């Protein structure tokens, strides 16, 4: 069974071909188009779960493609491919409703990962077999840690899993809230039923009601056919509202009634739909403060907070860092086909001393990048270039400081991977720029721009 239907739109044939060669062996059905016009012809005649479109194209740019897809095919996810210097435009696209963006040049693993993530949301629409995408092995053992704080979380998961109670998971970004939600679901009697994720940060406000409740054919402009909402698709299983603090008050009121009555009416329909669904929510915001500010309904908060689980930050459970680090080291050594077997004492000390404002997600990304950089069996401090231990006590004190720090870390991560990507391509092709560019699926000018960007040309001189 195919994992999903993907349309690639790019004016460069080598990019279209490369994406197709990566995604088809991974189990996806792929079609390609050379421009927006051909892409929309395919969209009118075929059903696609995901569109991956280039941002800069001559006749119709990616932003225009995105706008038209959002208007006519709101159920189709969109990923934008960007070149160097266009990331700011891609970020603006997030506000229009793009699922995510991927920056060129990207490796096959990145393309597969972002496609899988987009289609994990697409399973909500009911076009993909849930069990083909989400494995049913989210046991408590998959949440790594020996600290007292995380052991308490284990105990709470074990107690609530089979009760059917509504659960509210709180904690900073990157602490593993979705993993806990999946552990609850897959350790419950509902484990063979759907687990539906509602990302309250990425679904546009204009689409949230249609996404949740569904609609009748002709209910509004663009409603070309009847569509089941996420609540109905989750029937019998679990619906997980990630970052529920981002829902507007009007949507909160409608969901409150669903929680109370276990029924709702799709847009344009006359009959009520009855459901048996477990509600799990997560947030990194203080909902109690939001209720006082009037941005979150107090009655809705108490309905969600029947069984609260708070996840500690990584700096509150530093004794777990060695276990998590070794877990991610083994994971990415295996996935990247590397032979990195352990961390040096100094490297481990750096990891333990760092304060990890991005929590487990940041630690995992750091270990993935470090495994890529490491050429031997032992991961050393030099493979952890983004960790400035001198700043480890400089913990962000405001949300703006946190966002800035996370932005800087992401940029550093991209730069480190791009450098390794270019150097490895050159080594494989005997330092021939044209051959290296062709192998990775880039135009020579773009590949050379990366060389210049990171001042890597000096490494080519003197090479055989």
Protein backbone atom coordinates (compact mmCIF):
# COMPACT_ATOMS: atom_id res chain seq x y z
CA UNK A 1 0.00 0.00 0.00
CA UNK A 2 1.33 3.45 -0.94
CA UNK A 3 2.01 5.83 1.95
CA UNK A 4 0.60 8.85 0.13
CA UNK A 5 0.25 10.72 -3.17
CA UNK A 6 2.82 13.48 -3.75
CA UNK A 7 3.06 16.14 -6.49
CA UNK A 8 6.46 17.78 -7.15
CA UNK A 9 6.39 21.21 -8.87
CA UNK A 10 9.78 22.60 -9.93
CA UNK A 11 11.08 24.19 -13.11
CA UNK A 12 14.38 22.26 -12.85
CA UNK A 13 14.07 18.75 -14.27
CA UNK A 14 16.96 17.44 -12.17
CA UNK A 15 15.18 18.51 -8.97
CA UNK A 16 11.92 16.84 -10.03
CA UNK A 17 13.72 13.64 -10.99
CA UNK A 18 15.81 13.59 -7.81
CA UNK A 19 12.76 14.00 -5.57
CA UNK A 20 10.92 11.27 -7.45
CA UNK A 21 13.88 8.88 -7.16
CA UNK A 22 14.03 9.50 -3.40
CA UNK A 23 10.32 9.32 -2.56
CA UNK A 24 9.10 6.45 -4.76
CA UNK A 25 11.42 3.82 -3.20
CA UNK A 26 10.27 5.12 0.20
CA UNK A 27 6.72 4.06 -0.65
CA UNK A 28 5.12 7.24 -2.04
CA UNK A 29 3.23 7.66 -5.31
CA UNK A 30 4.84 10.63 -7.11
CA UNK A 31 3.89 12.80 -10.08
CA UNK A 32 5.82 15.85 -11.29
CA UNK A 33 5.10 19.16 -13.02
CA UNK A 34 7.47 21.69 -14.56
CA UNK A 35 5.45 24.76 -13.52
CA UNK A 36 2.38 25.90 -11.64
CA UNK A 37 0.09 25.64 -14.68
CA UNK A 38 0.93 21.97 -15.28
CA UNK A 39 0.72 21.39 -11.54
CA UNK A 40 -2.85 22.68 -11.35
CA UNK A 41 -3.83 20.57 -14.33
CA UNK A 42 -2.67 17.50 -12.41
CA UNK A 43 -4.42 18.70 -9.24
CA UNK A 44 -7.72 19.00 -11.12
CA UNK A 45 -7.47 15.47 -12.51
CA UNK A 46 -5.87 13.63 -9.58
CA UNK A 47 -6.04 13.60 -5.80
CA UNK A 48 -2.84 14.48 -3.94
CA UNK A 49 -2.09 14.33 -0.25
CA UNK A 50 0.96 16.58 -0.51
CA UNK A 51 2.39 19.15 -2.92
CA UNK A 52 6.11 19.99 -2.76
CA UNK A 53 6.70 23.14 -4.78
CA UNK A 54 9.71 25.29 -5.55
CA UNK A 55 9.48 28.86 -4.29
CA UNK A 56 11.17 30.65 -7.20
CA UNK A 57 9.66 29.74 -10.59
CA UNK A 58 9.32 31.91 -13.72
CA UNK A 59 5.59 31.77 -14.47
CA UNK A 60 4.01 31.30 -11.04
CA UNK A 61 5.99 31.36 -7.79
CA UNK A 62 5.48 29.02 -4.88
CA UNK A 63 3.52 31.57 -2.85
CA UNK A 64 0.91 31.88 -5.61
CA UNK A 65 0.76 28.08 -5.93
CA UNK A 66 0.25 27.85 -2.16
CA UNK A 67 -2.55 30.45 -2.15
CA UNK A 68 -4.49 28.67 -4.91
CA UNK A 69 -4.10 25.27 -3.25
CA UNK A 70 -5.33 26.68 0.07
CA UNK A 71 -8.38 28.15 -1.70
CA UNK A 72 -9.32 25.13 -3.83
CA UNK A 73 -7.79 22.08 -2.14
CA UNK A 74 -7.58 23.03 1.57
CA UNK A 75 -7.06 19.39 2.58
CA UNK A 76 -3.80 19.11 0.61
CA UNK A 77 -0.60 19.76 2.56
CA UNK A 78 2.06 21.99 0.98
CA UNK A 79 5.84 22.05 1.47
CA UNK A 80 7.92 24.80 -0.16
CA UNK A 81 11.47 24.22 -1.44
CA UNK A 82 13.69 27.28 -1.08
CA UNK A 83 17.12 28.29 -2.30
CA UNK A 84 19.71 30.29 -0.43
CA UNK A 85 18.47 33.77 0.40
CA UNK A 86 14.74 33.01 0.17
CA UNK A 87 14.14 31.60 3.65
CA UNK A 88 12.47 34.81 4.85
CA UNK A 89 9.90 34.50 2.07
CA UNK A 90 9.32 30.88 3.04
CA UNK A 91 8.72 31.87 6.64
CA UNK A 92 6.07 34.35 5.45
CA UNK A 93 4.44 31.45 3.63
CA UNK A 94 3.92 29.76 6.98
CA UNK A 95 1.30 32.41 7.73
CA UNK A 96 -0.64 31.49 4.60
CA UNK A 97 -0.84 27.86 5.62
CA UNK A 98 2.22 26.05 4.26
CA UNK A 99 3.03 22.95 6.30
CA UNK A 100 6.79 23.60 6.29
CA UNK A 101 9.70 24.51 4.06
CA UNK A 102 12.92 22.72 3.17
CA UNK A 103 16.03 24.61 2.14
CA UNK A 104 18.06 23.61 -0.90
CA UNK A 105 20.35 21.76 -1.06
CA UNK A 106 18.76 19.02 1.04
CA UNK A 107 19.72 15.38 1.41
CA UNK A 108 17.38 12.41 0.77
CA UNK A 109 16.90 11.77 4.50
CA UNK A 110 15.65 15.32 5.04
CA UNK A 111 13.18 15.03 2.15
CA UNK A 112 11.81 11.70 3.40
CA UNK A 113 11.54 12.97 6.97
CA UNK A 114 9.63 16.16 6.12
CA UNK A 115 7.35 14.25 3.71
CA UNK A 116 6.51 11.69 6.39
CA UNK A 117 5.83 14.46 8.90
CA UNK A 118 3.47 16.26 6.51
CA UNK A 119 1.59 13.08 5.68
CA UNK A 120 1.30 12.19 9.34
CA UNK A 121 -1.03 15.19 9.50
CA UNK A 122 -2.64 14.17 6.23
CA UNK A 123 -3.86 10.90 7.77
CA UNK A 124 -6.45 13.08 9.49
CA UNK A 125 -8.22 13.40 6.15
CA UNK A 126 -8.71 9.65 6.02
CA UNK A 127 -6.89 8.95 2.75
CA UNK A 128 -4.05 7.01 4.34
CA UNK A 129 -4.14 3.93 6.54
CA UNK A 130 -3.15 5.20 9.98
CA UNK A 131 -1.28 2.02 10.83
CA UNK A 132 0.92 2.44 7.75
CA UNK A 133 2.21 5.75 9.12
CA UNK A 134 2.22 5.52 12.93
CA UNK A 135 3.72 2.32 14.36
CA UNK A 136 1.95 0.86 17.37
CA UNK A 137 5.06 0.55 19.54
CA UNK A 138 4.90 3.70 21.67
CA UNK A 139 5.57 1.94 24.96
CA UNK A 140 6.76 3.61 28.16
CA UNK A 141 10.26 2.31 27.41
CA UNK A 142 10.47 4.73 24.48
CA UNK A 143 10.51 7.68 26.90
CA UNK A 144 14.14 7.66 28.04
CA UNK A 145 15.19 8.63 31.56
CA UNK A 146 16.01 7.52 35.11
CA UNK A 147 15.41 10.80 36.98
CA UNK A 148 12.78 11.02 39.67
CA UNK A 149 10.94 13.67 37.63
CA UNK A 150 10.55 11.46 34.56
CA UNK A 151 9.75 8.37 36.66
CA UNK A 152 6.78 10.31 38.04
CA UNK A 153 5.63 10.91 34.46
CA UNK A 154 5.90 7.15 33.77
CA UNK A 155 3.68 6.44 36.76
CA UNK A 156 1.05 8.97 35.67
CA UNK A 157 0.96 7.54 32.13
CA UNK A 158 0.52 4.02 33.49
CA UNK A 159 -2.32 5.13 35.77
CA UNK A 160 -4.30 7.12 33.22
CA UNK A 161 -3.75 5.12 30.00
CA UNK A 162 -6.68 2.72 30.34
CA UNK A 163 -9.12 5.06 32.10
CA UNK A 164 -10.36 7.04 29.10
CA UNK A 165 -9.96 10.30 31.06
CA UNK A 166 -9.22 13.61 29.37
CA UNK A 167 -5.53 14.52 29.79
CA UNK A 168 -3.72 17.87 29.68
CA UNK A 169 0.06 17.67 29.11
CA UNK A 170 2.06 20.80 29.95
CA UNK A 171 5.73 21.64 29.53
CA UNK A 172 8.17 23.74 27.54
CA UNK A 173 8.63 23.25 23.80
CA UNK A 174 10.71 20.20 22.98
CA UNK A 175 10.03 18.24 26.17
CA UNK A 176 8.23 15.38 24.40
CA UNK A 177 4.54 16.14 24.93
CA UNK A 178 3.38 14.35 21.77
CA UNK A 179 5.44 11.28 22.67
CA UNK A 180 3.64 11.13 26.03
CA UNK A 181 0.26 11.48 24.30
CA UNK A 182 1.11 8.57 21.99
CA UNK A 183 2.31 6.49 24.94
CA UNK A 184 -1.07 7.02 26.63
CA UNK A 185 -3.00 6.09 23.50
CA UNK A 186 -0.95 3.03 22.52
CA UNK A 187 -1.06 1.68 26.06
CA UNK A 188 -4.86 1.99 26.21
CA UNK A 189 -7.74 -0.13 24.99
CA UNK A 190 -8.02 2.29 22.04
CA UNK A 191 -4.55 1.41 20.69
CA UNK A 192 -5.94 -0.21 17.52
CA UNK A 193 -8.11 2.83 16.75
CA UNK A 194 -7.04 6.17 15.19
CA UNK A 195 -4.64 8.58 16.90
CA UNK A 196 -5.35 11.95 15.30
CA UNK A 197 -3.08 14.98 15.80
CA UNK A 198 -4.46 18.52 15.54
CA UNK A 199 -1.58 21.00 15.33
CA UNK A 200 -3.26 24.16 16.61
CA UNK A 201 -0.27 26.29 15.56
CA UNK A 202 -0.28 25.46 11.87
CA UNK A 203 -3.94 25.10 10.87
CA UNK A 204 -5.10 28.55 9.66
CA UNK A 205 -7.93 30.09 11.67
CA UNK A 206 -10.10 30.23 8.56
CA UNK A 207 -9.86 26.45 8.15
CA UNK A 208 -9.95 25.22 11.76
CA UNK A 209 -13.73 24.74 11.95
CA UNK A 210 -13.84 22.82 8.66
CA UNK A 211 -10.84 20.73 9.72
CA UNK A 212 -12.37 19.77 13.08
CA UNK A 213 -16.06 19.37 12.24
CA UNK A 214 -16.06 18.65 8.50
CA UNK A 215 -18.56 20.07 6.03
CA UNK A 216 -21.25 19.23 3.51
CA UNK A 217 -20.75 19.61 -0.22
CA UNK A 218 -21.38 23.22 -1.22
CA UNK A 219 -21.35 24.48 2.38
CA UNK A 220 -19.01 27.28 1.35
CA UNK A 221 -16.88 28.37 -1.61
CA UNK A 222 -14.36 25.63 -2.38
CA UNK A 223 -16.33 22.87 -0.60
CA UNK A 224 -16.52 20.71 -3.74
CA UNK A 225 -17.32 17.51 -1.88
CA UNK A 226 -18.43 16.29 1.51
CA UNK A 227 -15.61 16.01 4.01
CA UNK A 228 -15.36 14.33 7.39
CA UNK A 229 -13.73 16.38 10.13
CA UNK A 230 -10.89 15.26 12.37
CA UNK A 231 -13.27 14.66 15.27
CA UNK A 232 -15.31 12.16 13.26
CA UNK A 233 -12.17 10.51 11.87
CA UNK A 234 -10.92 10.02 15.44
CA UNK A 235 -14.10 8.18 16.45
CA UNK A 236 -13.27 5.24 18.67
CA UNK A 237 -9.73 6.48 19.20
CA UNK A 238 -7.86 9.52 20.51
CA UNK A 239 -7.64 13.10 19.30
CA UNK A 240 -4.55 15.05 20.38
CA UNK A 241 -4.67 18.86 20.36
CA UNK A 242 -1.05 20.03 20.22
CA UNK A 243 -0.50 23.60 21.52
CA UNK A 244 -4.17 24.03 22.33
CA UNK A 245 -3.46 27.46 23.81
CA UNK A 246 -3.39 28.80 20.24
CA UNK A 247 -7.09 28.09 19.60
CA UNK A 248 -9.32 31.16 19.40
CA UNK A 249 -12.08 31.60 22.00
CA UNK A 250 -14.89 30.87 19.50
CA UNK A 251 -13.39 27.47 18.62
CA UNK A 252 -12.85 26.75 22.31
CA UNK A 253 -16.58 27.27 22.92
CA UNK A 254 -17.52 24.82 20.16
CA UNK A 255 -15.07 22.19 21.41
CA UNK A 256 -16.38 22.63 24.97
CA UNK A 257 -19.81 21.52 23.77
CA UNK A 258 -18.25 18.50 22.04
CA UNK A 259 -16.51 17.56 25.28
CA UNK A 260 -19.77 17.87 27.19
CA UNK A 261 -22.22 16.33 24.72
CA UNK A 262 -19.93 14.11 22.59
CA UNK A 263 -21.69 15.33 19.47
CA UNK A 264 -21.38 18.12 16.88
CA UNK A 265 -22.85 19.28 13.59
CA UNK A 266 -20.65 19.53 10.47
CA UNK A 267 -20.80 22.82 8.54
CA UNK A 268 -23.83 22.82 6.24
CA UNK A 269 -25.29 19.61 7.70
CA UNK A 270 -28.58 19.31 9.63
CA UNK A 271 -27.87 16.13 11.57
CA UNK A 272 -25.65 15.83 14.62
CA UNK A 273 -22.70 13.41 14.58
CA UNK A 274 -22.18 11.37 17.76
CA UNK A 275 -18.61 10.34 18.65
CA UNK A 276 -16.69 8.29 21.20
CA UNK A 277 -13.31 10.03 21.34
CA UNK A 278 -10.66 10.48 24.00
CA UNK A 279 -9.29 14.02 24.28
CA UNK A 280 -5.61 14.67 25.04
CA UNK A 281 -4.24 18.20 24.84
CA UNK A 282 -0.81 19.78 25.22
CA UNK A 283 0.51 23.29 25.67
CA UNK A 284 3.68 25.18 26.51
CA UNK A 285 1.63 28.15 27.74
CA UNK A 286 0.15 28.89 31.18
CA UNK A 287 -3.56 28.36 30.58
CA UNK A 288 -4.44 29.57 34.09
CA UNK A 289 -2.90 32.96 33.29
CA UNK A 290 -4.67 32.98 29.93
CA UNK A 291 -8.04 32.41 31.65
CA UNK A 292 -7.41 35.50 33.80
CA UNK A 293 -6.47 37.48 30.69
CA UNK A 294 -9.64 36.33 28.94
CA UNK A 295 -7.83 34.58 26.07
CA UNK A 296 -8.73 31.07 27.25
CA UNK A 297 -12.14 30.00 28.53
CA UNK A 298 -12.10 28.99 32.17
CA UNK A 299 -14.81 26.34 31.73
CA UNK A 300 -12.92 24.86 28.78
CA UNK A 301 -9.69 24.77 30.82
CA UNK A 302 -11.32 22.79 33.63
CA UNK A 303 -12.79 20.33 31.11
CA UNK A 304 -9.32 19.73 29.66
CA UNK A 305 -7.45 19.62 32.98
CA UNK A 306 -9.12 16.53 34.43
CA UNK A 307 -5.81 14.63 34.58
CA UNK A 308 -2.78 16.95 34.28
CA UNK A 309 0.72 15.70 33.44
CA UNK A 310 3.61 18.17 33.59
CA UNK A 311 6.82 17.39 31.71
CA UNK A 312 10.01 18.75 33.29
CA UNK A 313 12.51 20.71 31.22
CA UNK A 314 15.79 19.00 30.38
CA UNK A 315 17.73 21.31 32.72
CA UNK A 316 15.51 19.98 35.54
CA UNK A 317 16.53 16.38 34.79
CA UNK A 318 20.21 16.64 33.89
CA UNK A 319 20.88 13.13 35.17
CA UNK A 320 18.94 11.91 32.11
CA UNK A 321 21.19 13.71 29.59
CA UNK A 322 23.79 10.87 29.35
CA UNK A 323 21.04 8.30 28.73
CA UNK A 324 19.28 10.47 26.16
CA UNK A 325 22.58 11.32 24.46
CA UNK A 326 23.57 7.68 24.07
CA UNK A 327 20.06 6.84 22.87
CA UNK A 328 20.24 9.47 20.09
CA UNK A 329 23.86 8.54 19.28
CA UNK A 330 22.83 4.93 18.63
CA UNK A 331 19.73 6.04 16.69
CA UNK A 332 21.54 8.32 14.25
CA UNK A 333 24.62 6.15 13.90
CA UNK A 334 22.28 3.43 12.67
CA UNK A 335 20.11 5.69 10.49
CA UNK A 336 23.08 7.49 8.90
CA UNK A 337 25.09 4.27 8.50
CA UNK A 338 27.93 5.67 10.61
CA UNK A 339 30.21 3.84 13.04
CA UNK A 340 30.09 6.35 15.91
CA UNK A 341 29.93 4.17 19.02
CA UNK A 342 30.41 6.49 21.99
CA UNK A 343 30.97 10.01 23.29
CA UNK A 344 34.24 11.13 24.85
CA UNK A 345 34.20 12.21 28.49
CA UNK A 346 34.74 15.86 27.50
CA UNK A 347 31.92 15.75 24.94
CA UNK A 348 29.55 14.26 27.51
CA UNK A 349 30.57 16.94 30.00
CA UNK A 350 29.67 19.62 27.45
CA UNK A 351 26.26 18.05 26.92
CA UNK A 352 25.54 17.77 30.64
CA UNK A 353 26.70 21.33 31.42
CA UNK A 354 24.63 22.95 28.68
CA UNK A 355 21.19 24.30 29.70
CA UNK A 356 19.23 23.16 26.58
CA UNK A 357 16.64 25.92 26.09
CA UNK A 358 15.15 23.78 23.29
CA UNK A 359 15.04 20.72 25.58
CA UNK A 360 15.05 17.15 24.18
CA UNK A 361 14.31 18.27 20.63
CA UNK A 362 17.42 20.47 20.66
CA UNK A 363 19.53 17.69 22.18
CA UNK A 364 18.37 15.24 19.51
CA UNK A 365 19.10 17.70 16.69
CA UNK A 366 22.55 18.37 18.17
CA UNK A 367 23.40 14.66 18.33
CA UNK A 368 22.16 14.11 14.76
CA UNK A 369 24.36 16.94 13.48
CA UNK A 370 27.34 15.75 15.53
CA UNK A 371 27.09 12.19 14.19
CA UNK A 372 27.17 13.65 10.65
CA UNK A 373 30.29 15.67 11.50
CA UNK A 374 32.11 12.83 13.27
CA UNK A 375 34.48 10.81 11.05
CA UNK A 376 35.67 8.32 13.67
CA UNK A 377 34.15 6.06 16.31
CA UNK A 378 34.29 8.60 19.14
CA UNK A 379 32.24 11.80 19.20
CA UNK A 380 34.48 14.64 20.45
CA UNK A 381 33.89 18.23 21.69
CA UNK A 382 34.92 19.52 18.25
CA UNK A 383 31.82 17.80 16.85
CA UNK A 384 29.61 19.99 19.07
CA UNK A 385 30.39 23.41 17.56
CA UNK A 386 27.03 25.00 18.37
CA UNK A 387 27.32 24.48 22.14
CA UNK A 388 28.80 27.55 23.80
CA UNK A 389 29.22 26.36 27.39
CA UNK A 390 30.30 29.83 28.47
CA UNK A 391 26.72 30.89 27.78
CA UNK A 392 25.12 27.85 29.42
CA UNK A 393 23.92 29.82 32.42
CA UNK A 394 22.48 32.53 30.20
CA UNK A 395 18.99 31.00 30.14
CA UNK A 396 16.45 33.10 28.19
CA UNK A 397 14.26 35.05 30.55
CA UNK A 398 11.55 36.07 28.07
CA UNK A 399 9.76 34.36 25.18
CA UNK A 400 11.44 36.80 22.75
CA UNK A 401 14.90 35.80 24.04
CA UNK A 402 13.96 32.13 23.74
CA UNK A 403 12.77 32.57 20.13
CA UNK A 404 15.97 34.40 19.20
CA UNK A 405 18.16 31.73 20.77
CA UNK A 406 16.27 28.93 19.02
CA UNK A 407 16.50 30.81 15.70
CA UNK A 408 20.29 31.13 16.05
CA UNK A 409 20.65 27.44 16.88
CA UNK A 410 18.60 26.43 13.82
CA UNK A 411 20.70 28.62 11.54
CA UNK A 412 23.91 27.16 12.98
CA UNK A 413 22.55 23.66 12.46
CA UNK A 414 21.75 24.35 8.79
CA UNK A 415 25.21 25.82 8.21
CA UNK A 416 27.02 22.86 9.79
CA UNK A 417 25.08 20.33 7.69
CA UNK A 418 25.54 22.33 4.47
CA UNK A 419 29.32 22.46 4.99
CA UNK A 420 29.55 18.70 5.46
CA UNK A 421 27.16 18.13 2.53
CA UNK A 422 29.40 20.12 0.16
CA UNK A 423 32.73 18.69 1.35
CA UNK A 424 31.53 15.08 1.19
CA UNK A 425 30.14 15.60 -2.32
CA UNK A 426 33.50 16.98 -3.44
CA UNK A 427 35.45 14.10 -1.88
CA UNK A 428 33.22 11.52 -3.57
CA UNK A 429 33.85 13.19 -6.94
CA UNK A 430 37.62 13.73 -6.65
CA UNK A 431 37.13 17.48 -5.91
CA UNK A 432 35.49 18.10 -9.29
CA UNK A 433 32.87 20.83 -8.74
CA UNK A 434 30.82 20.06 -11.85
CA UNK A 435 30.61 16.32 -11.08
CA UNK A 436 29.79 16.97 -7.42
CA UNK A 437 27.00 19.40 -8.35
CA UNK A 438 25.54 16.95 -10.86
CA UNK A 439 25.61 14.06 -8.39
CA UNK A 440 23.69 15.92 -5.68
CA UNK A 441 21.17 17.33 -8.17
CA UNK A 442 22.22 20.99 -8.17
CA UNK A 443 23.17 23.48 -10.84
CA UNK A 444 26.90 24.18 -10.83
CA UNK A 445 26.34 27.88 -10.06
CA UNK A 446 24.25 27.07 -6.98
CA UNK A 447 26.80 24.52 -5.77
CA UNK A 448 29.62 27.01 -6.29
CA UNK A 449 27.59 29.61 -4.34
CA UNK A 450 27.65 27.29 -1.33
CA UNK A 451 31.42 26.90 -1.70
CA UNK A 452 31.77 30.67 -1.68
CA UNK A 453 29.28 31.13 1.15
CA UNK A 454 31.36 28.99 3.52
CA UNK A 455 34.79 29.89 2.06
CA UNK A 456 35.42 26.24 1.16
CA UNK A 457 37.18 26.85 -2.16
CA UNK A 458 40.53 26.91 -0.36
CA UNK A 459 40.07 23.23 0.53
CA UNK A 460 40.00 22.27 -3.16
CA UNK A 461 43.44 23.70 -3.94
CA UNK A 462 46.11 21.04 -3.95
CA UNK A 463 43.63 18.13 -3.97
CA UNK A 464 44.15 15.37 -6.57
